[in-house]
Amino acid sequence: DEEFAMIQKHPLYGARLLKAANADLRIRNAALQHHERFDGSG
């Protein structure tokens, strides 16, 4: 459970790296949101 909780942080880490590199907002959102789901379960 602890390892999976850590894995689930990778979208946050990715968005942070891309924001620091001044990437396009859509690219940053893709890193941050690709595990989100339309029913709110992501």
Full PDB file with SEQRES, HELIX, SHEET, SSBOND, CRYST1, ORIGX, SCALE, CONECT and MASTER records, all heavy atoms in Angstrom:
SEQRES   1 A   42  ASP GLU GLU PHE ALA MET ILE GLN LYS HIS PRO LEU TYR          
SEQRES   2 A   42  GLY ALA ARG LEU LEU LYS ALA ALA ASN ALA ASP LEU ARG          
SEQRES   3 A   42  ILE ARG ASN ALA ALA LEU GLN HIS HIS GLU ARG PHE ASP          
SEQRES   4 A   42  GLY SER GLY                                                  
HELIX    1 AA1 GLU A    2  ILE A    7  1                                   6    
HELIX    2 AA2 HIS A   10  ALA A   20  1                                  11    
HELIX    3 AA3 LEU A   25  GLN A   33  1                                   9    
CRYST1    1.000    1.000    1.000  90.00  90.00  90.00 P 1           1          
ORIGX1      1.000000  0.000000  0.000000        0.00000                         
ORIGX2      0.000000  1.000000  0.000000        0.00000                         
ORIGX3      0.000000  0.000000  1.000000        0.00000                         
SCALE1      1.000000  0.000000  0.000000        0.00000                         
SCALE2      0.000000  1.000000  0.000000        0.00000                         
SCALE3      0.000000  0.000000  1.000000        0.00000                         
ATOM      1  N   ASP A   1       0.833  -1.207   0.000  1.00  0.00           N  
ATOM      2  CA  ASP A   1       0.000   0.000   0.000  1.00  0.00           C  
ATOM      3  C   ASP A   1       0.866   1.255   0.000  1.00  0.00           C  
ATOM      4  O   ASP A   1       0.551   2.245  -0.676  1.00  0.00           O  
ATOM      5  CB  ASP A   1      -0.918   0.008   1.224  1.00  0.00           C  
ATOM      6  CG  ASP A   1      -2.001  -1.056   1.137  1.00  0.00           C  
ATOM      7  OD1 ASP A   1      -2.239  -1.564   0.023  1.00  0.00           O  
ATOM      8  OD2 ASP A   1      -2.600  -1.384   2.192  1.00  0.00           O  
ATOM      9  N   GLU A   2       1.966   1.210   0.748  1.00  0.00           N  
ATOM     10  CA  GLU A   2       2.860   2.359   0.821  1.00  0.00           C  
ATOM     11  C   GLU A   2       3.540   2.607  -0.533  1.00  0.00           C  
ATOM     12  O   GLU A   2       3.676   3.759  -0.973  1.00  0.00           O  
ATOM     13  CB  GLU A   2       3.926   2.150   1.905  1.00  0.00           C  
ATOM     14  CG  GLU A   2       3.394   2.136   3.321  1.00  0.00           C  
ATOM     15  CD  GLU A   2       2.695   0.814   3.682  1.00  0.00           C  
ATOM     16  OE1 GLU A   2       2.859  -0.175   2.925  1.00  0.00           O  
ATOM     17  OE2 GLU A   2       1.985   0.791   4.708  1.00  0.00           O  
ATOM     18  N   GLU A   3       3.975   1.527  -1.168  1.00  0.00           N  
ATOM     19  CA  GLU A   3       4.625   1.664  -2.477  1.00  0.00           C  
ATOM     20  C   GLU A   3       3.645   2.184  -3.528  1.00  0.00           C  
ATOM     21  O   GLU A   3       4.004   3.045  -4.343  1.00  0.00           O  
ATOM     22  CB  GLU A   3       5.195   0.312  -2.909  1.00  0.00           C  
ATOM     23  CG  GLU A   3       6.400  -0.140  -2.090  1.00  0.00           C  
ATOM     24  CD  GLU A   3       6.780  -1.582  -2.355  1.00  0.00           C  
ATOM     25  OE1 GLU A   3       5.910  -2.360  -2.828  1.00  0.00           O  
ATOM     26  OE2 GLU A   3       7.939  -1.952  -2.080  1.00  0.00           O  
ATOM     27  N   PHE A   4       2.418   1.684  -3.498  1.00  0.00           N  
ATOM     28  CA  PHE A   4       1.430   2.139  -4.469  1.00  0.00           C  
ATOM     29  C   PHE A   4       1.084   3.613  -4.245  1.00  0.00           C  
ATOM     30  O   PHE A   4       0.888   4.370  -5.209  1.00  0.00           O  
ATOM     31  CB  PHE A   4       0.169   1.284  -4.396  1.00  0.00           C  
ATOM     32  CG  PHE A   4      -0.832   1.594  -5.478  1.00  0.00           C  
ATOM     33  CD1 PHE A   4      -0.516   1.395  -6.811  1.00  0.00           C  
ATOM     34  CD2 PHE A   4      -2.082   2.103  -5.165  1.00  0.00           C  
ATOM     35  CE1 PHE A   4      -1.433   1.688  -7.826  1.00  0.00           C  
ATOM     36  CE2 PHE A   4      -3.001   2.405  -6.168  1.00  0.00           C  
ATOM     37  CZ  PHE A   4      -2.670   2.195  -7.500  1.00  0.00           C  
ATOM     38  N   ALA A   5       1.015   4.008  -2.977  1.00  0.00           N  
ATOM     39  CA  ALA A   5       0.747   5.421  -2.668  1.00  0.00           C  
ATOM     40  C   ALA A   5       1.863   6.304  -3.224  1.00  0.00           C  
ATOM     41  O   ALA A   5       1.611   7.416  -3.706  1.00  0.00           O  
ATOM     42  CB  ALA A   5       0.610   5.607  -1.164  1.00  0.00           C  
ATOM     43  N   MET A   6       3.100   5.794  -3.171  1.00  0.00           N  
ATOM     44  CA  MET A   6       4.229   6.541  -3.731  1.00  0.00           C  
ATOM     45  C   MET A   6       4.128   6.608  -5.262  1.00  0.00           C  
ATOM     46  O   MET A   6       4.354   7.674  -5.868  1.00  0.00           O  
ATOM     47  CB  MET A   6       5.543   5.884  -3.323  1.00  0.00           C  
ATOM     48  CG  MET A   6       6.789   6.613  -3.822  1.00  0.00           C  
ATOM     49  SD  MET A   6       6.969   8.268  -3.097  1.00  0.00           S  
ATOM     50  CE  MET A   6       7.422   7.824  -1.413  1.00  0.00           C  
ATOM     51  N   ILE A   7       3.766   5.495  -5.898  1.00  0.00           N  
ATOM     52  CA  ILE A   7       3.606   5.463  -7.352  1.00  0.00           C  
ATOM     53  C   ILE A   7       2.572   6.491  -7.795  1.00  0.00           C  
ATOM     54  O   ILE A   7       2.721   7.170  -8.817  1.00  0.00           O  
ATOM     55  CB  ILE A   7       3.180   4.061  -7.821  1.00  0.00           C  
ATOM     56  CG1 ILE A   7       4.330   3.058  -7.695  1.00  0.00           C  
ATOM     57  CG2 ILE A   7       2.679   4.102  -9.259  1.00  0.00           C  
ATOM     58  CD1 ILE A   7       5.406   3.199  -8.741  1.00  0.00           C  
ATOM     59  N   GLN A   8       1.509   6.631  -7.010  1.00  0.00           N  
ATOM     60  CA  GLN A   8       0.429   7.541  -7.377  1.00  0.00           C  
ATOM     61  C   GLN A   8       0.835   9.018  -7.324  1.00  0.00           C  
ATOM     62  O   GLN A   8       0.077   9.878  -7.779  1.00  0.00           O  
ATOM     63  CB  GLN A   8      -0.777   7.310  -6.465  1.00  0.00           C  
ATOM     64  CG  GLN A   8      -1.524   6.014  -6.761  1.00  0.00           C  
ATOM     65  CD  GLN A   8      -2.782   5.881  -5.916  1.00  0.00           C  
ATOM     66  OE1 GLN A   8      -2.753   6.062  -4.701  1.00  0.00           O  
ATOM     67  NE2 GLN A   8      -3.886   5.555  -6.561  1.00  0.00           N  
ATOM     68  N   LYS A   9       2.013   9.279  -6.829  1.00  0.00           N  
ATOM     69  CA  LYS A   9       2.493  10.661  -6.782  1.00  0.00           C  
ATOM     70  C   LYS A   9       3.225  11.068  -8.063  1.00  0.00           C  
ATOM     71  O   LYS A   9       3.556  12.249  -8.237  1.00  0.00           O  
ATOM     72  CB  LYS A   9       3.422  10.856  -5.580  1.00  0.00           C  
ATOM     73  CG  LYS A   9       2.705  10.759  -4.233  1.00  0.00           C  
ATOM     74  CD  LYS A   9       3.667  10.985  -3.081  1.00  0.00           C  
ATOM     75  CE  LYS A   9       2.949  10.885  -1.731  1.00  0.00           C  
ATOM     76  NZ  LYS A   9       3.882  11.102  -0.588  1.00  0.00           N  
ATOM     77  N   HIS A  10       3.479  10.106  -8.958  1.00  0.00           N  
ATOM     78  CA  HIS A  10       4.281  10.465 -10.131  1.00  0.00           C  
ATOM     79  C   HIS A  10       3.626  11.519 -11.021  1.00  0.00           C  
ATOM     80  O   HIS A  10       4.342  12.327 -11.633  1.00  0.00           O  
ATOM     81  CB  HIS A  10       4.670   9.215 -10.947  1.00  0.00           C  
ATOM     82  CG  HIS A  10       3.583   8.656 -11.816  1.00  0.00           C  
ATOM     83  ND1 HIS A  10       2.683   7.717 -11.375  1.00  0.00           N  
ATOM     84  CD2 HIS A  10       3.251   8.912 -13.115  1.00  0.00           C  
ATOM     85  CE1 HIS A  10       1.852   7.398 -12.355  1.00  0.00           C  
ATOM     86  NE2 HIS A  10       2.169   8.112 -13.423  1.00  0.00           N  
ATOM     87  N   PRO A  11       2.292  11.619 -11.119  1.00  0.00           N  
ATOM     88  CA  PRO A  11       1.730  12.737 -11.893  1.00  0.00           C  
ATOM     89  C   PRO A  11       2.082  14.099 -11.298  1.00  0.00           C  
ATOM     90  O   PRO A  11       2.334  15.063 -12.036  1.00  0.00           O  
ATOM     91  CB  PRO A  11       0.214  12.482 -11.829  1.00  0.00           C  
ATOM     92  CG  PRO A  11       0.084  11.010 -11.590  1.00  0.00           C  
ATOM     93  CD  PRO A  11       1.222  10.678 -10.686  1.00  0.00           C  
ATOM     94  N   LEU A  12       2.109  14.189  -9.964  1.00  0.00           N  
ATOM     95  CA  LEU A  12       2.478  15.442  -9.307  1.00  0.00           C  
ATOM     96  C   LEU A  12       3.939  15.781  -9.572  1.00  0.00           C  
ATOM     97  O   LEU A  12       4.280  16.942  -9.861  1.00  0.00           O  
ATOM     98  CB  LEU A  12       2.222  15.348  -7.808  1.00  0.00           C  
ATOM     99  CG  LEU A  12       0.758  15.150  -7.390  1.00  0.00           C  
ATOM    100  CD1 LEU A  12       0.680  14.799  -5.903  1.00  0.00           C  
ATOM    101  CD2 LEU A  12      -0.049  16.404  -7.688  1.00  0.00           C  
ATOM    102  N   TYR A  13       4.804  14.765  -9.495  1.00  0.00           N  
ATOM    103  CA  TYR A  13       6.231  14.986  -9.752  1.00  0.00           C  
ATOM    104  C   TYR A  13       6.441  15.447 -11.202  1.00  0.00           C  
ATOM    105  O   TYR A  13       7.233  16.362 -11.475  1.00  0.00           O  
ATOM    106  CB  TYR A  13       7.034  13.714  -9.503  1.00  0.00           C  
ATOM    107  CG  TYR A  13       7.006  13.214  -8.078  1.00  0.00           C  
ATOM    108  CD1 TYR A  13       7.198  11.860  -7.795  1.00  0.00           C  
ATOM    109  CD2 TYR A  13       6.788  14.077  -7.001  1.00  0.00           C  
ATOM    110  CE1 TYR A  13       7.176  11.390  -6.500  1.00  0.00           C  
ATOM    111  CE2 TYR A  13       6.767  13.614  -5.704  1.00  0.00           C  
ATOM    112  CZ  TYR A  13       6.952  12.262  -5.453  1.00  0.00           C  
ATOM    113  OH  TYR A  13       6.924  11.796  -4.150  1.00  0.00           O  
ATOM    114  N   GLY A  14       5.731  14.802 -12.135  1.00  0.00           N  
ATOM    115  CA  GLY A  14       5.876  15.153 -13.545  1.00  0.00           C  
ATOM    116  C   GLY A  14       5.431  16.571 -13.834  1.00  0.00           C  
ATOM    117  O   GLY A  14       6.114  17.314 -14.549  1.00  0.00           O  
ATOM    118  N   ALA A  15       4.278  16.947 -13.292  1.00  0.00           N  
ATOM    119  CA  ALA A  15       3.777  18.308 -13.513  1.00  0.00           C  
ATOM    120  C   ALA A  15       4.735  19.341 -12.942  1.00  0.00           C  
ATOM    121  O   ALA A  15       4.946  20.411 -13.537  1.00  0.00           O  
ATOM    122  CB  ALA A  15       2.394  18.446 -12.879  1.00  0.00           C  
ATOM    123  N   ARG A  16       5.349  19.021 -11.809  1.00  0.00           N  
ATOM    124  CA  ARG A  16       6.295  19.947 -11.195  1.00  0.00           C  
ATOM    125  C   ARG A  16       7.534  20.132 -12.074  1.00  0.00           C  
ATOM    126  O   ARG A  16       8.010  21.266 -12.276  1.00  0.00           O  
ATOM    127  CB  ARG A  16       6.698  19.433  -9.812  1.00  0.00           C  
ATOM    128  CG  ARG A  16       7.613  20.365  -9.035  1.00  0.00           C  
ATOM    129  CD  ARG A  16       7.892  19.788  -7.660  1.00  0.00           C  
ATOM    130  NE  ARG A  16       8.614  18.521  -7.749  1.00  0.00           N  
ATOM    131  CZ  ARG A  16       8.747  17.660  -6.730  1.00  0.00           C  
ATOM    132  NH1 ARG A  16       8.197  17.942  -5.559  1.00  0.00           N  
ATOM    133  NH2 ARG A  16       9.421  16.549  -6.880  1.00  0.00           N  
ATOM    134  N   LEU A  17       8.066  19.030 -12.600  1.00  0.00           N  
ATOM    135  CA  LEU A  17       9.238  19.107 -13.470  1.00  0.00           C  
ATOM    136  C   LEU A  17       8.930  19.921 -14.733  1.00  0.00           C  
ATOM    137  O   LEU A  17       9.740  20.754 -15.170  1.00  0.00           O  
ATOM    138  CB  LEU A  17       9.697  17.704 -13.876  1.00  0.00           C  
ATOM    139  CG  LEU A  17      10.389  16.855 -12.803  1.00  0.00           C  
ATOM    140  CD1 LEU A  17      10.541  15.424 -13.293  1.00  0.00           C  
ATOM    141  CD2 LEU A  17      11.760  17.443 -12.482  1.00  0.00           C  
ATOM    142  N   LEU A  18       7.772  19.691 -15.328  1.00  0.00           N  
ATOM    143  CA  LEU A  18       7.411  20.366 -16.575  1.00  0.00           C  
ATOM    144  C   LEU A  18       7.087  21.839 -16.352  1.00  0.00           C  
ATOM    145  O   LEU A  18       7.352  22.679 -17.222  1.00  0.00           O  
ATOM    146  CB  LEU A  18       6.232  19.643 -17.225  1.00  0.00           C  
ATOM    147  CG  LEU A  18       6.555  18.222 -17.712  1.00  0.00           C  
ATOM    148  CD1 LEU A  18       5.287  17.502 -18.155  1.00  0.00           C  
ATOM    149  CD2 LEU A  18       7.570  18.260 -18.858  1.00  0.00           C  
ATOM    150  N   LYS A  19       6.543  22.156 -15.189  1.00  0.00           N  
ATOM    151  CA  LYS A  19       6.282  23.572 -14.877  1.00  0.00           C  
ATOM    152  C   LYS A  19       7.592  24.320 -14.718  1.00  0.00           C  
ATOM    153  O   LYS A  19       7.738  25.455 -15.206  1.00  0.00           O  
ATOM    154  CB  LYS A  19       5.456  23.679 -13.594  1.00  0.00           C  
ATOM    155  CG  LYS A  19       5.082  25.117 -13.253  1.00  0.00           C  
ATOM    156  CD  LYS A  19       4.199  25.191 -12.006  1.00  0.00           C  
ATOM    157  CE  LYS A  19       3.820  26.635 -11.698  1.00  0.00           C  
ATOM    158  NZ  LYS A  19       2.943  26.730 -10.504  1.00  0.00           N  
ATOM    159  N   ALA A  20       8.567  23.675 -14.076  1.00  0.00           N  
ATOM    160  CA  ALA A  20       9.878  24.313 -13.895  1.00  0.00           C  
ATOM    161  C   ALA A  20      10.561  24.561 -15.238  1.00  0.00           C  
ATOM    162  O   ALA A  20      11.329  25.518 -15.394  1.00  0.00           O  
ATOM    163  CB  ALA A  20      10.760  23.448 -12.996  1.00  0.00           C  
ATOM    164  N   ALA A  21      10.256  23.676 -16.221  1.00  0.00           N  
ATOM    165  CA  ALA A  21      10.850  23.828 -17.552  1.00  0.00           C  
ATOM    166  C   ALA A  21       9.998  24.720 -18.454  1.00  0.00           C  
ATOM    167  O   ALA A  21      10.292  24.862 -19.648  1.00  0.00           O  
ATOM    168  CB  ALA A  21      11.019  22.455 -18.199  1.00  0.00           C  
ATOM    169  N   ASN A  22       8.932  25.308 -17.887  1.00  0.00           N  
ATOM    170  CA  ASN A  22       8.051  26.220 -18.624  1.00  0.00           C  
ATOM    171  C   ASN A  22       7.406  25.547 -19.827  1.00  0.00           C  
ATOM    172  O   ASN A  22       7.274  26.133 -20.910  1.00  0.00           O  
ATOM    173  CB  ASN A  22       8.816  27.469 -19.077  1.00  0.00           C  
ATOM    174  CG  ASN A  22       7.879  28.616 -19.411  1.00  0.00           C  
ATOM    175  OD1 ASN A  22       6.790  28.739 -18.840  1.00  0.00           O  
ATOM    176  ND2 ASN A  22       8.286  29.460 -20.351  1.00  0.00           N  
ATOM    177  N   ALA A  23       6.979  24.299 -19.655  1.00  0.00           N  
ATOM    178  CA  ALA A  23       6.314  23.553 -20.729  1.00  0.00           C  
ATOM    179  C   ALA A  23       4.907  24.102 -20.958  1.00  0.00           C  
ATOM    180  O   ALA A  23       4.308  24.724 -20.073  1.00  0.00           O  
ATOM    181  CB  ALA A  23       6.237  22.072 -20.376  1.00  0.00           C  
ATOM    182  N   ASP A  24       4.373  23.857 -22.145  1.00  0.00           N  
ATOM    183  CA  ASP A  24       3.007  24.243 -22.479  1.00  0.00           C  
ATOM    184  C   ASP A  24       2.037  23.670 -21.435  1.00  0.00           C  
ATOM    185  O   ASP A  24       2.211  22.551 -20.951  1.00  0.00           O  
ATOM    186  CB  ASP A  24       2.666  23.695 -23.873  1.00  0.00           C  
ATOM    187  CG  ASP A  24       1.289  24.130 -24.360  1.00  0.00           C  
ATOM    188  OD1 ASP A  24       0.287  23.550 -23.891  1.00  0.00           O  
ATOM    189  OD2 ASP A  24       1.221  25.027 -25.214  1.00  0.00           O  
ATOM    190  N   LEU A  25       0.999  24.444 -21.100  1.00  0.00           N  
ATOM    191  CA  LEU A  25       0.049  24.035 -20.070  1.00  0.00           C  
ATOM    192  C   LEU A  25      -0.595  22.689 -20.392  1.00  0.00           C  
ATOM    193  O   LEU A  25      -0.819  21.867 -19.495  1.00  0.00           O  
ATOM    194  CB  LEU A  25      -1.040  25.100 -19.905  1.00  0.00           C  
ATOM    195  CG  LEU A  25      -2.142  24.793 -18.870  1.00  0.00           C  
ATOM    196  CD1 LEU A  25      -1.535  24.628 -17.476  1.00  0.00           C  
ATOM    197  CD2 LEU A  25      -3.192  25.893 -18.873  1.00  0.00           C  
ATOM    198  N   ARG A  26      -0.878  22.420 -21.680  1.00  0.00           N  
ATOM    199  CA  ARG A  26      -1.513  21.153 -22.039  1.00  0.00           C  
ATOM    200  C   ARG A  26      -0.582  19.970 -21.814  1.00  0.00           C  
ATOM    201  O   ARG A  26      -1.032  18.871 -21.443  1.00  0.00           O  
ATOM    202  CB  ARG A  26      -1.980  21.200 -23.496  1.00  0.00           C  
ATOM    203  CG  ARG A  26      -3.196  22.101 -23.703  1.00  0.00           C  
ATOM    204  CD  ARG A  26      -3.523  22.261 -25.172  1.00  0.00           C  
ATOM    205  NE  ARG A  26      -2.504  23.050 -25.853  1.00  0.00           N  
ATOM    206  CZ  ARG A  26      -2.551  23.344 -27.154  1.00  0.00           C  
ATOM    207  NH1 ARG A  26      -3.560  22.910 -27.895  1.00  0.00           N  
ATOM    208  NH2 ARG A  26      -1.605  24.075 -27.698  1.00  0.00           N  
ATOM    209  N   ILE A  27       0.703  20.195 -21.996  1.00  0.00           N  
ATOM    210  CA  ILE A  27       1.680  19.133 -21.733  1.00  0.00           C  
ATOM    211  C   ILE A  27       1.773  18.876 -20.236  1.00  0.00           C  
ATOM    212  O   ILE A  27       1.824  17.721 -19.781  1.00  0.00           O  
ATOM    213  CB  ILE A  27       3.055  19.512 -22.324  1.00  0.00           C  
ATOM    214  CG1 ILE A  27       2.966  19.588 -23.853  1.00  0.00           C  
ATOM    215  CG2 ILE A  27       4.128  18.515 -21.900  1.00  0.00           C  
ATOM    216  CD1 ILE A  27       4.232  20.083 -24.521  1.00  0.00           C  
ATOM    217  N   ARG A  28       1.768  19.948 -19.458  1.00  0.00           N  
ATOM    218  CA  ARG A  28       1.802  19.794 -17.998  1.00  0.00           C  
ATOM    219  C   ARG A  28       0.542  19.102 -17.491  1.00  0.00           C  
ATOM    220  O   ARG A  28       0.603  18.215 -16.626  1.00  0.00           O  
ATOM    221  CB  ARG A  28       1.950  21.165 -17.344  1.00  0.00           C  
ATOM    222  CG  ARG A  28       3.345  21.747 -17.456  1.00  0.00           C  
ATOM    223  CD  ARG A  28       3.389  23.263 -17.477  1.00  0.00           C  
ATOM    224  NE  ARG A  28       2.539  23.887 -16.471  1.00  0.00           N  
ATOM    225  CZ  ARG A  28       2.255  25.195 -16.453  1.00  0.00           C  
ATOM    226  NH1 ARG A  28       2.746  25.992 -17.402  1.00  0.00           N  
ATOM    227  NH2 ARG A  28       1.495  25.703 -15.516  1.00  0.00           N  
ATOM    228  N   ASN A  29      -0.612  19.481 -18.038  1.00  0.00           N  
ATOM    229  CA  ASN A  29      -1.861  18.865 -17.611  1.00  0.00           C  
ATOM    230  C   ASN A  29      -1.909  17.375 -17.962  1.00  0.00           C  
ATOM    231  O   ASN A  29      -2.477  16.572 -17.225  1.00  0.00           O  
ATOM    232  CB  ASN A  29      -3.054  19.573 -18.244  1.00  0.00           C  
ATOM    233  CG  ASN A  29      -3.392  20.879 -17.553  1.00  0.00           C  
ATOM    234  OD1 ASN A  29      -3.012  21.089 -16.407  1.00  0.00           O  
ATOM    235  ND2 ASN A  29      -4.104  21.757 -18.242  1.00  0.00           N  
ATOM    236  N   ALA A  30      -1.324  17.011 -19.100  1.00  0.00           N  
ATOM    237  CA  ALA A  30      -1.296  15.600 -19.490  1.00  0.00           C  
ATOM    238  C   ALA A  30      -0.519  14.773 -18.469  1.00  0.00           C  
ATOM    239  O   ALA A  30      -0.929  13.663 -18.106  1.00  0.00           O  
ATOM    240  CB  ALA A  30      -0.678  15.449 -20.878  1.00  0.00           C  
ATOM    241  N   ALA A  31       0.610  15.313 -18.001  1.00  0.00           N  
ATOM    242  CA  ALA A  31       1.390  14.617 -16.978  1.00  0.00           C  
ATOM    243  C   ALA A  31       0.627  14.536 -15.662  1.00  0.00           C  
ATOM    244  O   ALA A  31       0.644  13.510 -14.975  1.00  0.00           O  
ATOM    245  CB  ALA A  31       2.725  15.329 -16.771  1.00  0.00           C  
ATOM    246  N   LEU A  32      -0.068  15.602 -15.319  1.00  0.00           N  
ATOM    247  CA  LEU A  32      -0.772  15.671 -14.041  1.00  0.00           C  
ATOM    248  C   LEU A  32      -2.061  14.859 -14.036  1.00  0.00           C  
ATOM    249  O   LEU A  32      -2.422  14.270 -13.011  1.00  0.00           O  
ATOM    250  CB  LEU A  32      -1.093  17.139 -13.720  1.00  0.00           C  
ATOM    251  CG  LEU A  32      -1.850  17.412 -12.419  1.00  0.00           C  
ATOM    252  CD1 LEU A  32      -1.028  16.967 -11.205  1.00  0.00           C  
ATOM    253  CD2 LEU A  32      -2.215  18.889 -12.319  1.00  0.00           C  
ATOM    254  N   GLN A  33      -2.750  14.784 -15.174  1.00  0.00           N  
ATOM    255  CA  GLN A  33      -4.122  14.267 -15.180  1.00  0.00           C  
ATOM    256  C   GLN A  33      -4.332  12.947 -15.923  1.00  0.00           C  
ATOM    257  O   GLN A  33      -5.468  12.479 -16.021  1.00  0.00           O  
ATOM    258  CB  GLN A  33      -5.054  15.320 -15.807  1.00  0.00           C  
ATOM    259  CG  GLN A  33      -5.067  16.653 -15.084  1.00  0.00           C  
ATOM    260  CD  GLN A  33      -5.883  17.701 -15.831  1.00  0.00           C  
ATOM    261  OE1 GLN A  33      -6.532  17.437 -16.841  1.00  0.00           O  
ATOM    262  NE2 GLN A  33      -5.831  18.935 -15.334  1.00  0.00           N  
ATOM    263  N   HIS A  34      -3.286  12.297 -16.435  1.00  0.00           N  
ATOM    264  CA  HIS A  34      -3.523  11.115 -17.270  1.00  0.00           C  
ATOM    265  C   HIS A  34      -4.057   9.914 -16.495  1.00  0.00           C  
ATOM    266  O   HIS A  34      -4.480   8.924 -17.108  1.00  0.00           O  
ATOM    267  CB  HIS A  34      -2.258  10.728 -18.056  1.00  0.00           C  
ATOM    268  CG  HIS A  34      -1.123  10.244 -17.216  1.00  0.00           C  
ATOM    269  ND1 HIS A  34      -0.244  11.109 -16.579  1.00  0.00           N  
ATOM    270  CD2 HIS A  34      -0.701   8.993 -16.907  1.00  0.00           C  
ATOM    271  CE1 HIS A  34       0.658  10.402 -15.935  1.00  0.00           C  
ATOM    272  NE2 HIS A  34       0.408   9.115 -16.122  1.00  0.00           N  
ATOM    273  N   HIS A  35      -4.061   9.978 -15.153  1.00  0.00           N  
ATOM    274  CA  HIS A  35      -4.702   8.919 -14.354  1.00  0.00           C  
ATOM    275  C   HIS A  35      -6.041   9.365 -13.771  1.00  0.00           C  
ATOM    276  O   HIS A  35      -6.651   8.625 -12.996  1.00  0.00           O  
ATOM    277  CB  HIS A  35      -3.773   8.455 -13.229  1.00  0.00           C  
ATOM    278  CG  HIS A  35      -2.689   7.539 -13.702  1.00  0.00           C  
ATOM    279  ND1 HIS A  35      -2.926   6.247 -14.113  1.00  0.00           N  
ATOM    280  CD2 HIS A  35      -1.347   7.746 -13.847  1.00  0.00           C  
ATOM    281  CE1 HIS A  35      -1.781   5.682 -14.485  1.00  0.00           C  
ATOM    282  NE2 HIS A  35      -0.810   6.576 -14.332  1.00  0.00           N  
ATOM    283  N   GLU A  36      -6.498  10.542 -14.141  1.00  0.00           N  
ATOM    284  CA  GLU A  36      -7.838  10.968 -13.744  1.00  0.00           C  
ATOM    285  C   GLU A  36      -8.862  10.241 -14.618  1.00  0.00           C  
ATOM    286  O   GLU A  36      -8.553   9.858 -15.749  1.00  0.00           O  
ATOM    287  CB  GLU A  36      -7.998  12.484 -13.901  1.00  0.00           C  
ATOM    288  CG  GLU A  36      -7.022  13.327 -13.099  1.00  0.00           C  
ATOM    289  CD  GLU A  36      -7.301  13.329 -11.599  1.00  0.00           C  
ATOM    290  OE1 GLU A  36      -8.283  12.664 -11.168  1.00  0.00           O  
ATOM    291  OE2 GLU A  36      -6.547  13.990 -10.867  1.00  0.00           O  
ATOM    292  N   ARG A  37     -10.069  10.045 -14.101  1.00  0.00           N  
ATOM    293  CA  ARG A  37     -11.111   9.357 -14.844  1.00  0.00           C  
ATOM    294  C   ARG A  37     -12.388  10.175 -14.818  1.00  0.00           C  
ATOM    295  O   ARG A  37     -12.689  10.863 -13.846  1.00  0.00           O  
ATOM    296  CB  ARG A  37     -11.363   7.963 -14.260  1.00  0.00           C  
ATOM    297  CG  ARG A  37     -10.160   7.027 -14.347  1.00  0.00           C  
ATOM    298  CD  ARG A  37      -9.837   6.682 -15.793  1.00  0.00           C  
ATOM    299  NE  ARG A  37      -8.673   5.802 -15.918  1.00  0.00           N  
ATOM    300  CZ  ARG A  37      -7.455   6.208 -16.259  1.00  0.00           C  
ATOM    301  NH1 ARG A  37      -7.217   7.506 -16.478  1.00  0.00           N  
ATOM    302  NH2 ARG A  37      -6.470   5.331 -16.370  1.00  0.00           N  
ATOM    303  N   PHE A  38     -13.186  10.084 -15.886  1.00  0.00           N  
ATOM    304  CA  PHE A  38     -14.356  10.941 -16.041  1.00  0.00           C  
ATOM    305  C   PHE A  38     -15.404  10.726 -14.954  1.00  0.00           C  
ATOM    306  O   PHE A  38     -16.237  11.592 -14.718  1.00  0.00           O  
ATOM    307  CB  PHE A  38     -14.971  10.734 -17.425  1.00  0.00           C  
ATOM    308  CG  PHE A  38     -14.536  11.781 -18.419  1.00  0.00           C  
ATOM    309  CD1 PHE A  38     -13.200  12.159 -18.521  1.00  0.00           C  
ATOM    310  CD2 PHE A  38     -15.458  12.399 -19.239  1.00  0.00           C  
ATOM    311  CE1 PHE A  38     -12.795  13.122 -19.419  1.00  0.00           C  
ATOM    312  CE2 PHE A  38     -15.060  13.369 -20.153  1.00  0.00           C  
ATOM    313  CZ  PHE A  38     -13.735  13.747 -20.239  1.00  0.00           C  
ATOM    314  N   ASP A  39     -15.388   9.556 -14.296  1.00  0.00           N  
ATOM    315  CA  ASP A  39     -16.355   9.315 -13.220  1.00  0.00           C  
ATOM    316  C   ASP A  39     -15.810   9.735 -11.856  1.00  0.00           C  
ATOM    317  O   ASP A  39     -16.429   9.477 -10.824  1.00  0.00           O  
ATOM    318  CB  ASP A  39     -16.764   7.842 -13.181  1.00  0.00           C  
ATOM    319  CG  ASP A  39     -15.587   6.904 -12.941  1.00  0.00           C  
ATOM    320  OD1 ASP A  39     -14.433   7.390 -12.821  1.00  0.00           O  
ATOM    321  OD2 ASP A  39     -15.804   5.682 -12.874  1.00  0.00           O  
ATOM    322  N   GLY A  40     -14.623  10.377 -11.843  1.00  0.00           N  
ATOM    323  CA  GLY A  40     -14.043  10.851 -10.586  1.00  0.00           C  
ATOM    324  C   GLY A  40     -13.265   9.810  -9.819  1.00  0.00           C  
ATOM    325  O   GLY A  40     -12.816  10.083  -8.698  1.00  0.00           O  
ATOM    326  N   SER A  41     -13.051   8.639 -10.398  1.00  0.00           N  
ATOM    327  CA  SER A  41     -12.384   7.550  -9.677  1.00  0.00           C  
ATOM    328  C   SER A  41     -10.866   7.557  -9.812  1.00  0.00           C  
ATOM    329  O   SER A  41     -10.191   6.692  -9.254  1.00  0.00           O  
ATOM    330  CB  SER A  41     -12.918   6.197 -10.172  1.00  0.00           C  
ATOM    331  OG  SER A  41     -12.596   6.003 -11.550  1.00  0.00           O  
ATOM    332  N   GLY A  42     -10.322   8.524 -10.560  1.00  0.00           N  
ATOM    333  CA  GLY A  42      -8.885   8.529 -10.784  1.00  0.00           C  
ATOM    334  C   GLY A  42      -8.103   9.295  -9.731  1.00  0.00           C  
ATOM    335  O   GLY A  42      -8.619   9.669  -8.679  1.00  0.00           O  
TER     336      GLY A  42                                                      
MASTER        0    0    0    3    0    0    0    6  335    1    0    4          
END                                                                             
